[in-house]
Amino acid sequence: LTIWDSTTKKLLVNFAIPLAIGGLFCAGLLYHHLHGLLAPTTLIFYGLALVNASKFTLVEIRYLGYGQLFLGLLNLYFIGKGLYFWAAGFGILHIAYGIIMWFKYERNN
């Protein structure tokens, strides 16, 4: 199968748009010295990118995105604890996702 096809292009565009907008938004937060909002913002925009791109990949990506969104929104109420939420979102959630995917798709192969 070809890796670079129209579905791959759609996946990348749908993932890149929310991620790029989130990066620009974070640059604005940095410019205005709103450092406490960076962690929740990155989690939220990454979650939006995953949910948006999930239309072109496995359905489990959508649930990973929902988890990132939940953590980002929760982090808005615990400003200053961003490192813990990053560890949970970019660490624990991804490890759990990887374990689930391994058991679901690779374990019996």
PDB file of N, CA and C in Angstrom:
ATOM      1  N   LEU A   1       0.827  -1.185   0.000  1.00  0.00           N
ATOM      2  CA  LEU A   1       0.000   0.000   0.000  1.00  0.00           C
ATOM      3  C   LEU A   1       0.875   1.253   0.000  1.00  0.00           C
ATOM      4  N   THR A   2       0.402   2.266  -0.627  1.00  0.00           N
ATOM      5  CA  THR A   2       1.100   3.539  -0.644  1.00  0.00           C
ATOM      6  C   THR A   2       0.838   4.289   0.661  1.00  0.00           C
ATOM      7  N   ILE A   3       1.901   4.828   1.221  1.00  0.00           N
ATOM      8  CA  ILE A   3       1.747   5.577   2.467  1.00  0.00           C
ATOM      9  C   ILE A   3       1.254   6.987   2.187  1.00  0.00           C
ATOM     10  N   TRP A   4       1.815   7.630   1.170  1.00  0.00           N
ATOM     11  CA  TRP A   4       1.464   9.022   0.856  1.00  0.00           C
ATOM     12  C   TRP A   4       0.326   9.034  -0.156  1.00  0.00           C
ATOM     13  N   ASP A   5      -0.906   9.103   0.319  1.00  0.00           N
ATOM     14  CA  ASP A   5      -2.073   9.163  -0.556  1.00  0.00           C
ATOM     15  C   ASP A   5      -2.992  10.289  -0.092  1.00  0.00           C
ATOM     16  N   SER A   6      -4.172  10.372  -0.656  1.00  0.00           N
ATOM     17  CA  SER A   6      -5.075  11.479  -0.323  1.00  0.00           C
ATOM     18  C   SER A   6      -5.534  11.415   1.141  1.00  0.00           C
ATOM     19  N   THR A   7      -5.698  10.205   1.684  1.00  0.00           N
ATOM     20  CA  THR A   7      -6.099  10.088   3.091  1.00  0.00           C
ATOM     21  C   THR A   7      -5.003  10.607   4.013  1.00  0.00           C
ATOM     22  N   THR A   8      -3.747  10.312   3.687  1.00  0.00           N
ATOM     23  CA  THR A   8      -2.629  10.808   4.494  1.00  0.00           C
ATOM     24  C   THR A   8      -2.578  12.328   4.466  1.00  0.00           C
ATOM     25  N   LYS A   9      -2.785  12.894   3.297  1.00  0.00           N
ATOM     26  CA  LYS A   9      -2.783  14.358   3.180  1.00  0.00           C
ATOM     27  C   LYS A   9      -3.915  14.974   4.004  1.00  0.00           C
ATOM     28  N   LYS A  10      -5.100  14.377   3.944  1.00  0.00           N
ATOM     29  CA  LYS A  10      -6.229  14.878   4.728  1.00  0.00           C
ATOM     30  C   LYS A  10      -5.946  14.754   6.224  1.00  0.00           C
ATOM     31  N   LEU A  11      -5.350  13.634   6.625  1.00  0.00           N
ATOM     32  CA  LEU A  11      -4.999  13.434   8.026  1.00  0.00           C
ATOM     33  C   LEU A  11      -4.045  14.516   8.499  1.00  0.00           C
ATOM     34  N   LEU A  12      -3.003  14.778   7.732  1.00  0.00           N
ATOM     35  CA  LEU A  12      -2.016  15.778   8.122  1.00  0.00           C
ATOM     36  C   LEU A  12      -2.603  17.183   8.181  1.00  0.00           C
ATOM     37  N   VAL A  13      -3.425  17.532   7.216  1.00  0.00           N
ATOM     38  CA  VAL A  13      -4.041  18.864   7.217  1.00  0.00           C
ATOM     39  C   VAL A  13      -4.975  19.015   8.416  1.00  0.00           C
ATOM     40  N   ASN A  14      -5.793  17.994   8.673  1.00  0.00           N
ATOM     41  CA  ASN A  14      -6.737  18.068   9.789  1.00  0.00           C
ATOM     42  C   ASN A  14      -6.047  18.041  11.145  1.00  0.00           C
ATOM     43  N   PHE A  15      -4.845  17.474  11.210  1.00  0.00           N
ATOM     44  CA  PHE A  15      -4.075  17.479  12.445  1.00  0.00           C
ATOM     45  C   PHE A  15      -3.293  18.777  12.586  1.00  0.00           C
ATOM     46  N   ALA A  16      -2.748  19.272  11.482  1.00  0.00           N
ATOM     47  CA  ALA A  16      -1.844  20.423  11.526  1.00  0.00           C
ATOM     48  C   ALA A  16      -2.564  21.744  11.786  1.00  0.00           C
ATOM     49  N   ILE A  17      -3.763  21.909  11.291  1.00  0.00           N
ATOM     50  CA  ILE A  17      -4.453  23.197  11.446  1.00  0.00           C
ATOM     51  C   ILE A  17      -4.694  23.539  12.923  1.00  0.00           C
ATOM     52  N   PRO A  18      -5.344  22.665  13.717  1.00  0.00           N
ATOM     53  CA  PRO A  18      -5.512  23.026  15.131  1.00  0.00           C
ATOM     54  C   PRO A  18      -4.181  23.132  15.877  1.00  0.00           C
ATOM     55  N   LEU A  19      -3.214  22.299  15.492  1.00  0.00           N
ATOM     56  CA  LEU A  19      -1.917  22.339  16.156  1.00  0.00           C
ATOM     57  C   LEU A  19      -1.182  23.643  15.855  1.00  0.00           C
ATOM     58  N   ALA A  20      -1.230  24.093  14.609  1.00  0.00           N
ATOM     59  CA  ALA A  20      -0.564  25.348  14.231  1.00  0.00           C
ATOM     60  C   ALA A  20      -1.251  26.549  14.884  1.00  0.00           C
ATOM     61  N   ILE A  21      -2.567  26.557  14.874  1.00  0.00           N
ATOM     62  CA  ILE A  21      -3.302  27.650  15.522  1.00  0.00           C
ATOM     63  C   ILE A  21      -2.998  27.664  17.019  1.00  0.00           C
ATOM     64  N   GLY A  22      -2.930  26.489  17.625  1.00  0.00           N
ATOM     65  CA  GLY A  22      -2.580  26.401  19.036  1.00  0.00           C
ATOM     66  C   GLY A  22      -1.178  26.918  19.306  1.00  0.00           C
ATOM     67  N   GLY A  23      -0.244  26.624  18.407  1.00  0.00           N
ATOM     68  CA  GLY A  23       1.114  27.141  18.560  1.00  0.00           C
ATOM     69  C   GLY A  23       1.161  28.656  18.488  1.00  0.00           C
ATOM     70  N   LEU A  24       0.411  29.232  17.563  1.00  0.00           N
ATOM     71  CA  LEU A  24       0.348  30.690  17.460  1.00  0.00           C
ATOM     72  C   LEU A  24      -0.329  31.304  18.689  1.00  0.00           C
ATOM     73  N   PHE A  25      -1.356  30.630  19.171  1.00  0.00           N
ATOM     74  CA  PHE A  25      -2.039  31.091  20.381  1.00  0.00           C
ATOM     75  C   PHE A  25      -1.080  31.064  21.577  1.00  0.00           C
ATOM     76  N   CYS A  26      -0.290  29.999  21.684  1.00  0.00           N
ATOM     77  CA  CYS A  26       0.699  29.899  22.768  1.00  0.00           C
ATOM     78  C   CYS A  26       1.760  30.987  22.640  1.00  0.00           C
ATOM     79  N   ALA A  27       2.142  31.331  21.417  1.00  0.00           N
ATOM     80  CA  ALA A  27       3.098  32.424  21.222  1.00  0.00           C
ATOM     81  C   ALA A  27       2.509  33.728  21.752  1.00  0.00           C
ATOM     82  N   GLY A  28       1.218  33.947  21.529  1.00  0.00           N
ATOM     83  CA  GLY A  28       0.548  35.132  22.074  1.00  0.00           C
ATOM     84  C   GLY A  28       0.519  35.121  23.593  1.00  0.00           C
ATOM     85  N   LEU A  29       0.285  33.944  24.174  1.00  0.00           N
ATOM     86  CA  LEU A  29       0.307  33.845  25.634  1.00  0.00           C
ATOM     87  C   LEU A  29       1.695  34.168  26.184  1.00  0.00           C
ATOM     88  N   LEU A  30       2.717  33.670  25.517  1.00  0.00           N
ATOM     89  CA  LEU A  30       4.093  33.978  25.936  1.00  0.00           C
ATOM     90  C   LEU A  30       4.380  35.471  25.820  1.00  0.00           C
ATOM     91  N   TYR A  31       3.929  36.060  24.741  1.00  0.00           N
ATOM     92  CA  TYR A  31       4.151  37.488  24.510  1.00  0.00           C
ATOM     93  C   TYR A  31       3.552  38.324  25.644  1.00  0.00           C
ATOM     94  N   HIS A  32       2.402  37.885  26.141  1.00  0.00           N
ATOM     95  CA  HIS A  32       1.720  38.619  27.209  1.00  0.00           C
ATOM     96  C   HIS A  32       2.057  38.078  28.603  1.00  0.00           C
ATOM     97  N   HIS A  33       3.062  37.217  28.683  1.00  0.00           N
ATOM     98  CA  HIS A  33       3.558  36.676  29.955  1.00  0.00           C
ATOM     99  C   HIS A  33       2.486  35.909  30.737  1.00  0.00           C
ATOM    100  N   LEU A  34       1.661  35.185  30.022  1.00  0.00           N
ATOM    101  CA  LEU A  34       0.616  34.361  30.653  1.00  0.00           C
ATOM    102  C   LEU A  34       1.075  32.898  30.690  1.00  0.00           C
ATOM    103  N   HIS A  35       2.184  32.666  31.349  1.00  0.00           N
ATOM    104  CA  HIS A  35       2.822  31.360  31.338  1.00  0.00           C
ATOM    105  C   HIS A  35       1.964  30.260  31.960  1.00  0.00           C
ATOM    106  N   GLY A  36       1.147  30.609  32.923  1.00  0.00           N
ATOM    107  CA  GLY A  36       0.307  29.621  33.587  1.00  0.00           C
ATOM    108  C   GLY A  36      -0.738  28.999  32.683  1.00  0.00           C
ATOM    109  N   LEU A  37      -1.036  29.646  31.575  1.00  0.00           N
ATOM    110  CA  LEU A  37      -2.042  29.122  30.646  1.00  0.00           C
ATOM    111  C   LEU A  37      -1.443  28.269  29.532  1.00  0.00           C
ATOM    112  N   LEU A  38      -0.113  28.170  29.477  1.00  0.00           N
ATOM    113  CA  LEU A  38       0.518  27.416  28.392  1.00  0.00           C
ATOM    114  C   LEU A  38       0.209  25.922  28.438  1.00  0.00           C
ATOM    115  N   ALA A  39       0.319  25.311  29.610  1.00  0.00           N
ATOM    116  CA  ALA A  39       0.067  23.872  29.714  1.00  0.00           C
ATOM    117  C   ALA A  39      -1.370  23.509  29.340  1.00  0.00           C
ATOM    118  N   PRO A  40      -2.375  24.181  29.917  1.00  0.00           N
ATOM    119  CA  PRO A  40      -3.728  23.810  29.506  1.00  0.00           C
ATOM    120  C   PRO A  40      -3.989  24.077  28.027  1.00  0.00           C
ATOM    121  N   THR A  41      -3.410  25.143  27.505  1.00  0.00           N
ATOM    122  CA  THR A  41      -3.615  25.468  26.094  1.00  0.00           C
ATOM    123  C   THR A  41      -3.020  24.406  25.183  1.00  0.00           C
ATOM    124  N   THR A  42      -1.812  23.945  25.497  1.00  0.00           N
ATOM    125  CA  THR A  42      -1.197  22.920  24.650  1.00  0.00           C
ATOM    126  C   THR A  42      -1.993  21.620  24.712  1.00  0.00           C
ATOM    127  N   LEU A  43      -2.465  21.257  25.887  1.00  0.00           N
ATOM    128  CA  LEU A  43      -3.280  20.047  26.007  1.00  0.00           C
ATOM    129  C   LEU A  43      -4.582  20.180  25.228  1.00  0.00           C
ATOM    130  N   ILE A  44      -5.221  21.328  25.319  1.00  0.00           N
ATOM    131  CA  ILE A  44      -6.499  21.532  24.634  1.00  0.00           C
ATOM    132  C   ILE A  44      -6.322  21.509  23.117  1.00  0.00           C
ATOM    133  N   PHE A  45      -5.353  22.243  22.601  1.00  0.00           N
ATOM    134  CA  PHE A  45      -5.186  22.271  21.144  1.00  0.00           C
ATOM    135  C   PHE A  45      -4.678  20.946  20.593  1.00  0.00           C
ATOM    136  N   TYR A  46      -3.844  20.246  21.359  1.00  0.00           N
ATOM    137  CA  TYR A  46      -3.407  18.914  20.933  1.00  0.00           C
ATOM    138  C   TYR A  46      -4.605  17.960  20.915  1.00  0.00           C
ATOM    139  N   GLY A  47      -5.451  18.050  21.927  1.00  0.00           N
ATOM    140  CA  GLY A  47      -6.659  17.232  21.950  1.00  0.00           C
ATOM    141  C   GLY A  47      -7.579  17.529  20.782  1.00  0.00           C
ATOM    142  N   LEU A  48      -7.741  18.809  20.472  1.00  0.00           N
ATOM    143  CA  LEU A  48      -8.563  19.179  19.312  1.00  0.00           C
ATOM    144  C   LEU A  48      -7.971  18.633  18.022  1.00  0.00           C
ATOM    145  N   ALA A  49      -6.653  18.677  17.896  1.00  0.00           N
ATOM    146  CA  ALA A  49      -5.992  18.150  16.700  1.00  0.00           C
ATOM    147  C   ALA A  49      -6.217  16.642  16.581  1.00  0.00           C
ATOM    148  N   LEU A  50      -6.116  15.928  17.698  1.00  0.00           N
ATOM    149  CA  LEU A  50      -6.343  14.480  17.667  1.00  0.00           C
ATOM    150  C   LEU A  50      -7.782  14.142  17.293  1.00  0.00           C
ATOM    151  N   VAL A  51      -8.729  14.827  17.901  1.00  0.00           N
ATOM    152  CA  VAL A  51     -10.140  14.567  17.592  1.00  0.00           C
ATOM    153  C   VAL A  51     -10.420  14.893  16.126  1.00  0.00           C
ATOM    154  N   ASN A  52      -9.879  15.992  15.646  1.00  0.00           N
ATOM    155  CA  ASN A  52     -10.097  16.391  14.257  1.00  0.00           C
ATOM    156  C   ASN A  52      -9.475  15.394  13.284  1.00  0.00           C
ATOM    157  N   ALA A  53      -8.285  14.890  13.589  1.00  0.00           N
ATOM    158  CA  ALA A  53      -7.596  13.956  12.701  1.00  0.00           C
ATOM    159  C   ALA A  53      -8.129  12.536  12.811  1.00  0.00           C
ATOM    160  N   SER A  54      -8.866  12.246  13.867  1.00  0.00           N
ATOM    161  CA  SER A  54      -9.321  10.871  14.088  1.00  0.00           C
ATOM    162  C   SER A  54     -10.287  10.384  13.015  1.00  0.00           C
ATOM    163  N   LYS A  55     -10.832  11.296  12.243  1.00  0.00           N
ATOM    164  CA  LYS A  55     -11.736  10.901  11.154  1.00  0.00           C
ATOM    165  C   LYS A  55     -11.000  10.084  10.091  1.00  0.00           C
ATOM    166  N   PHE A  56      -9.666  10.189  10.063  1.00  0.00           N
ATOM    167  CA  PHE A  56      -8.881   9.552   9.015  1.00  0.00           C
ATOM    168  C   PHE A  56      -7.962   8.459   9.549  1.00  0.00           C
ATOM    169  N   THR A  57      -8.169   8.051  10.785  1.00  0.00           N
ATOM    170  CA  THR A  57      -7.336   7.006  11.374  1.00  0.00           C
ATOM    171  C   THR A  57      -8.181   6.175  12.332  1.00  0.00           C
ATOM    172  N   LEU A  58      -7.560   5.507  13.270  1.00  0.00           N
ATOM    173  CA  LEU A  58      -8.265   4.626  14.195  1.00  0.00           C
ATOM    174  C   LEU A  58      -9.146   5.420  15.156  1.00  0.00           C
ATOM    175  N   VAL A  59     -10.261   4.829  15.541  1.00  0.00           N
ATOM    176  CA  VAL A  59     -11.220   5.501  16.421  1.00  0.00           C
ATOM    177  C   VAL A  59     -10.616   5.773  17.797  1.00  0.00           C
ATOM    178  N   GLU A  60      -9.637   4.996  18.206  1.00  0.00           N
ATOM    179  CA  GLU A  60      -9.025   5.186  19.524  1.00  0.00           C
ATOM    180  C   GLU A  60      -8.322   6.529  19.657  1.00  0.00           C
ATOM    181  N   ILE A  61      -7.891   7.087  18.543  1.00  0.00           N
ATOM    182  CA  ILE A  61      -7.246   8.408  18.554  1.00  0.00           C
ATOM    183  C   ILE A  61      -8.228   9.459  19.090  1.00  0.00           C
ATOM    184  N   ARG A  62      -9.482   9.302  18.755  1.00  0.00           N
ATOM    185  CA  ARG A  62     -10.510  10.237  19.228  1.00  0.00           C
ATOM    186  C   ARG A  62     -10.585  10.227  20.757  1.00  0.00           C
ATOM    187  N   TYR A  63     -10.513   9.045  21.353  1.00  0.00           N
ATOM    188  CA  TYR A  63     -10.589   8.949  22.816  1.00  0.00           C
ATOM    189  C   TYR A  63      -9.337   9.516  23.478  1.00  0.00           C
ATOM    190  N   LEU A  64      -8.194   9.339  22.849  1.00  0.00           N
ATOM    191  CA  LEU A  64      -6.977   9.974  23.355  1.00  0.00           C
ATOM    192  C   LEU A  64      -7.139  11.492  23.313  1.00  0.00           C
ATOM    193  N   GLY A  65      -7.730  11.998  22.242  1.00  0.00           N
ATOM    194  CA  GLY A  65      -8.000  13.433  22.126  1.00  0.00           C
ATOM    195  C   GLY A  65      -8.951  13.930  23.201  1.00  0.00           C
ATOM    196  N   TYR A  66      -9.993  13.156  23.476  1.00  0.00           N
ATOM    197  CA  TYR A  66     -10.938  13.537  24.535  1.00  0.00           C
ATOM    198  C   TYR A  66     -10.231  13.595  25.888  1.00  0.00           C
ATOM    199  N   GLY A  67      -9.333  12.648  26.123  1.00  0.00           N
ATOM    200  CA  GLY A  67      -8.582  12.653  27.367  1.00  0.00           C
ATOM    201  C   GLY A  67      -7.707  13.893  27.499  1.00  0.00           C
ATOM    202  N   GLN A  68      -7.062  14.282  26.394  1.00  0.00           N
ATOM    203  CA  GLN A  68      -6.234  15.488  26.399  1.00  0.00           C
ATOM    204  C   GLN A  68      -7.096  16.727  26.648  1.00  0.00           C
ATOM    205  N   LEU A  69      -8.249  16.785  26.006  1.00  0.00           N
ATOM    206  CA  LEU A  69      -9.157  17.918  26.206  1.00  0.00           C
ATOM    207  C   LEU A  69      -9.614  18.006  27.658  1.00  0.00           C
ATOM    208  N   PHE A  70      -9.978  16.874  28.237  1.00  0.00           N
ATOM    209  CA  PHE A  70     -10.418  16.859  29.625  1.00  0.00           C
ATOM    210  C   PHE A  70      -9.314  17.361  30.554  1.00  0.00           C
ATOM    211  N   LEU A  71      -8.096  16.856  30.355  1.00  0.00           N
ATOM    212  CA  LEU A  71      -6.987  17.291  31.213  1.00  0.00           C
ATOM    213  C   LEU A  71      -6.694  18.776  31.029  1.00  0.00           C
ATOM    214  N   GLY A  72      -6.754  19.261  29.786  1.00  0.00           N
ATOM    215  CA  GLY A  72      -6.505  20.681  29.538  1.00  0.00           C
ATOM    216  C   GLY A  72      -7.538  21.567  30.212  1.00  0.00           C
ATOM    217  N   LEU A  73      -8.793  21.180  30.117  1.00  0.00           N
ATOM    218  CA  LEU A  73      -9.847  21.966  30.765  1.00  0.00           C
ATOM    219  C   LEU A  73      -9.738  21.900  32.281  1.00  0.00           C
ATOM    220  N   LEU A  74      -9.411  20.728  32.802  1.00  0.00           N
ATOM    221  CA  LEU A  74      -9.223  20.586  34.246  1.00  0.00           C
ATOM    222  C   LEU A  74      -8.032  21.420  34.724  1.00  0.00           C
ATOM    223  N   ASN A  75      -6.979  21.465  33.925  1.00  0.00           N
ATOM    224  CA  ASN A  75      -5.783  22.235  34.273  1.00  0.00           C
ATOM    225  C   ASN A  75      -6.082  23.733  34.368  1.00  0.00           C
ATOM    226  N   LEU A  76      -7.110  24.205  33.684  1.00  0.00           N
ATOM    227  CA  LEU A  76      -7.479  25.616  33.786  1.00  0.00           C
ATOM    228  C   LEU A  76      -7.877  26.005  35.210  1.00  0.00           C
ATOM    229  N   TYR A  77      -8.291  25.033  36.003  1.00  0.00           N
ATOM    230  CA  TYR A  77      -8.683  25.298  37.378  1.00  0.00           C
ATOM    231  C   TYR A  77      -7.534  25.079  38.366  1.00  0.00           C
ATOM    232  N   PHE A  78      -6.400  24.598  37.861  1.00  0.00           N
ATOM    233  CA  PHE A  78      -5.225  24.360  38.688  1.00  0.00           C
ATOM    234  C   PHE A  78      -4.005  24.985  38.028  1.00  0.00           C
ATOM    235  N   ILE A  79      -4.070  26.291  37.787  1.00  0.00           N
ATOM    236  CA  ILE A  79      -2.972  27.015  37.161  1.00  0.00           C
ATOM    237  C   ILE A  79      -1.729  26.868  38.051  1.00  0.00           C
ATOM    238  N   GLY A  80      -0.604  26.623  37.421  1.00  0.00           N
ATOM    239  CA  GLY A  80       0.636  26.422  38.158  1.00  0.00           C
ATOM    240  C   GLY A  80       0.979  24.952  38.345  1.00  0.00           C
ATOM    241  N   LYS A  81       0.045  24.083  38.026  1.00  0.00           N
ATOM    242  CA  LYS A  81       0.276  22.639  38.127  1.00  0.00           C
ATOM    243  C   LYS A  81       0.413  22.013  36.747  1.00  0.00           C
ATOM    244  N   GLY A  82       0.778  22.819  35.766  1.00  0.00           N
ATOM    245  CA  GLY A  82       0.829  22.367  34.380  1.00  0.00           C
ATOM    246  C   GLY A  82       1.750  21.196  34.131  1.00  0.00           C
ATOM    247  N   LEU A  83       2.878  21.136  34.817  1.00  0.00           N
ATOM    248  CA  LEU A  83       3.822  20.037  34.605  1.00  0.00           C
ATOM    249  C   LEU A  83       3.186  18.694  34.965  1.00  0.00           C
ATOM    250  N   TYR A  84       2.382  18.683  36.016  1.00  0.00           N
ATOM    251  CA  TYR A  84       1.690  17.453  36.406  1.00  0.00           C
ATOM    252  C   TYR A  84       0.665  17.037  35.340  1.00  0.00           C
ATOM    253  N   PHE A  85      -0.041  18.026  34.809  1.00  0.00           N
ATOM    254  CA  PHE A  85      -1.031  17.725  33.782  1.00  0.00           C
ATOM    255  C   PHE A  85      -0.362  17.315  32.471  1.00  0.00           C
ATOM    256  N   TRP A  86       0.783  17.927  32.155  1.00  0.00           N
ATOM    257  CA  TRP A  86       1.550  17.488  30.981  1.00  0.00           C
ATOM    258  C   TRP A  86       2.012  16.053  31.156  1.00  0.00           C
ATOM    259  N   ALA A  87       2.499  15.726  32.348  1.00  0.00           N
ATOM    260  CA  ALA A  87       2.941  14.351  32.617  1.00  0.00           C
ATOM    261  C   ALA A  87       1.783  13.374  32.460  1.00  0.00           C
ATOM    262  N   ALA A  88       0.613  13.777  32.928  1.00  0.00           N
ATOM    263  CA  ALA A  88      -0.561  12.916  32.790  1.00  0.00           C
ATOM    264  C   ALA A  88      -0.991  12.800  31.331  1.00  0.00           C
ATOM    265  N   GLY A  89      -1.043  13.928  30.621  1.00  0.00           N
ATOM    266  CA  GLY A  89      -1.542  13.920  29.252  1.00  0.00           C
ATOM    267  C   GLY A  89      -0.556  13.378  28.237  1.00  0.00           C
ATOM    268  N   PHE A  90       0.650  13.907  28.243  1.00  0.00           N
ATOM    269  CA  PHE A  90       1.633  13.504  27.237  1.00  0.00           C
ATOM    270  C   PHE A  90       2.421  12.275  27.659  1.00  0.00           C
ATOM    271  N   GLY A  91       2.295  11.878  28.921  1.00  0.00           N
ATOM    272  CA  GLY A  91       2.991  10.698  29.406  1.00  0.00           C
ATOM    273  C   GLY A  91       2.038   9.547  29.648  1.00  0.00           C
ATOM    274  N   ILE A  92       1.294   9.637  30.734  1.00  0.00           N
ATOM    275  CA  ILE A  92       0.444   8.521  31.163  1.00  0.00           C
ATOM    276  C   ILE A  92      -0.616   8.165  30.124  1.00  0.00           C
ATOM    277  N   LEU A  93      -1.297   9.176  29.567  1.00  0.00           N
ATOM    278  CA  LEU A  93      -2.338   8.866  28.565  1.00  0.00           C
ATOM    279  C   LEU A  93      -1.748   8.182  27.331  1.00  0.00           C
ATOM    280  N   HIS A  94      -0.573   8.632  26.889  1.00  0.00           N
ATOM    281  CA  HIS A  94       0.038   8.001  25.719  1.00  0.00           C
ATOM    282  C   HIS A  94       0.520   6.582  26.018  1.00  0.00           C
ATOM    283  N   ILE A  95       1.036   6.367  27.205  1.00  0.00           N
ATOM    284  CA  ILE A  95       1.446   5.015  27.586  1.00  0.00           C
ATOM    285  C   ILE A  95       0.227   4.102  27.659  1.00  0.00           C
ATOM    286  N   ALA A  96      -0.835   4.567  28.290  1.00  0.00           N
ATOM    287  CA  ALA A  96      -2.068   3.780  28.372  1.00  0.00           C
ATOM    288  C   ALA A  96      -2.617   3.507  26.974  1.00  0.00           C
ATOM    289  N   TYR A  97      -2.594   4.515  26.117  1.00  0.00           N
ATOM    290  CA  TYR A  97      -3.052   4.348  24.735  1.00  0.00           C
ATOM    291  C   TYR A  97      -2.228   3.279  24.022  1.00  0.00           C
ATOM    292  N   GLY A  98      -0.909   3.345  24.193  1.00  0.00           N
ATOM    293  CA  GLY A  98      -0.028   2.360  23.564  1.00  0.00           C
ATOM    294  C   GLY A  98      -0.292   0.952  24.052  1.00  0.00           C
ATOM    295  N   ILE A  99      -0.518   0.789  25.344  1.00  0.00           N
ATOM    296  CA  ILE A  99      -0.812  -0.534  25.905  1.00  0.00           C
ATOM    297  C   ILE A  99      -2.133  -1.062  25.357  1.00  0.00           C
ATOM    298  N   ILE A 100      -3.147  -0.206  25.327  1.00  0.00           N
ATOM    299  CA  ILE A 100      -4.457  -0.612  24.797  1.00  0.00           C
ATOM    300  C   ILE A 100      -4.336  -1.016  23.332  1.00  0.00           C
ATOM    301  N   MET A 101      -3.616  -0.229  22.561  1.00  0.00           N
ATOM    302  CA  MET A 101      -3.456  -0.539  21.136  1.00  0.00           C
ATOM    303  C   MET A 101      -2.682  -1.846  20.945  1.00  0.00           C
ATOM    304  N   TRP A 102      -1.675  -2.067  21.777  1.00  0.00           N
ATOM    305  CA  TRP A 102      -0.900  -3.302  21.661  1.00  0.00           C
ATOM    306  C   TRP A 102      -1.789  -4.509  21.937  1.00  0.00           C
ATOM    307  N   PHE A 103      -2.578  -4.452  23.036  1.00  0.00           N
ATOM    308  CA  PHE A 103      -3.457  -5.552  23.355  1.00  0.00           C
ATOM    309  C   PHE A 103      -4.525  -5.755  22.289  1.00  0.00           C
ATOM    310  N   LYS A 104      -5.012  -4.676  21.717  1.00  0.00           N
ATOM    311  CA  LYS A 104      -6.109  -4.786  20.750  1.00  0.00           C
ATOM    312  C   LYS A 104      -5.644  -5.264  19.382  1.00  0.00           C
ATOM    313  N   TYR A 105      -4.487  -4.773  18.924  1.00  0.00           N
ATOM    314  CA  TYR A 105      -4.092  -5.028  17.530  1.00  0.00           C
ATOM    315  C   TYR A 105      -2.844  -5.880  17.343  1.00  0.00           C
ATOM    316  N   GLU A 106      -1.923  -5.909  18.291  1.00  0.00           N
ATOM    317  CA  GLU A 106      -0.643  -6.571  18.060  1.00  0.00           C
ATOM    318  C   GLU A 106      -0.412  -7.829  18.892  1.00  0.00           C
ATOM    319  N   ARG A 107      -1.078  -7.962  19.973  1.00  0.00           N
ATOM    320  CA  ARG A 107      -0.784  -9.044  20.914  1.00  0.00           C
ATOM    321  C   ARG A 107      -0.867 -10.418  20.278  1.00  0.00           C
ATOM    322  N   ASN A 108      -1.876 -10.663  19.494  1.00  0.00           N
ATOM    323  CA  ASN A 108      -2.096 -11.997  18.929  1.00  0.00           C
ATOM    324  C   ASN A 108      -1.418 -12.203  17.583  1.00  0.00           C
ATOM    325  N   ASN A 109      -0.688 -11.219  17.100  1.00  0.00           N
ATOM    326  CA  ASN A 109      -0.022 -11.370  15.793  1.00  0.00           C
ATOM    327  C   ASN A 109       1.349 -11.959  15.930  1.00  0.00           C
TER     328      ASN A 109
END
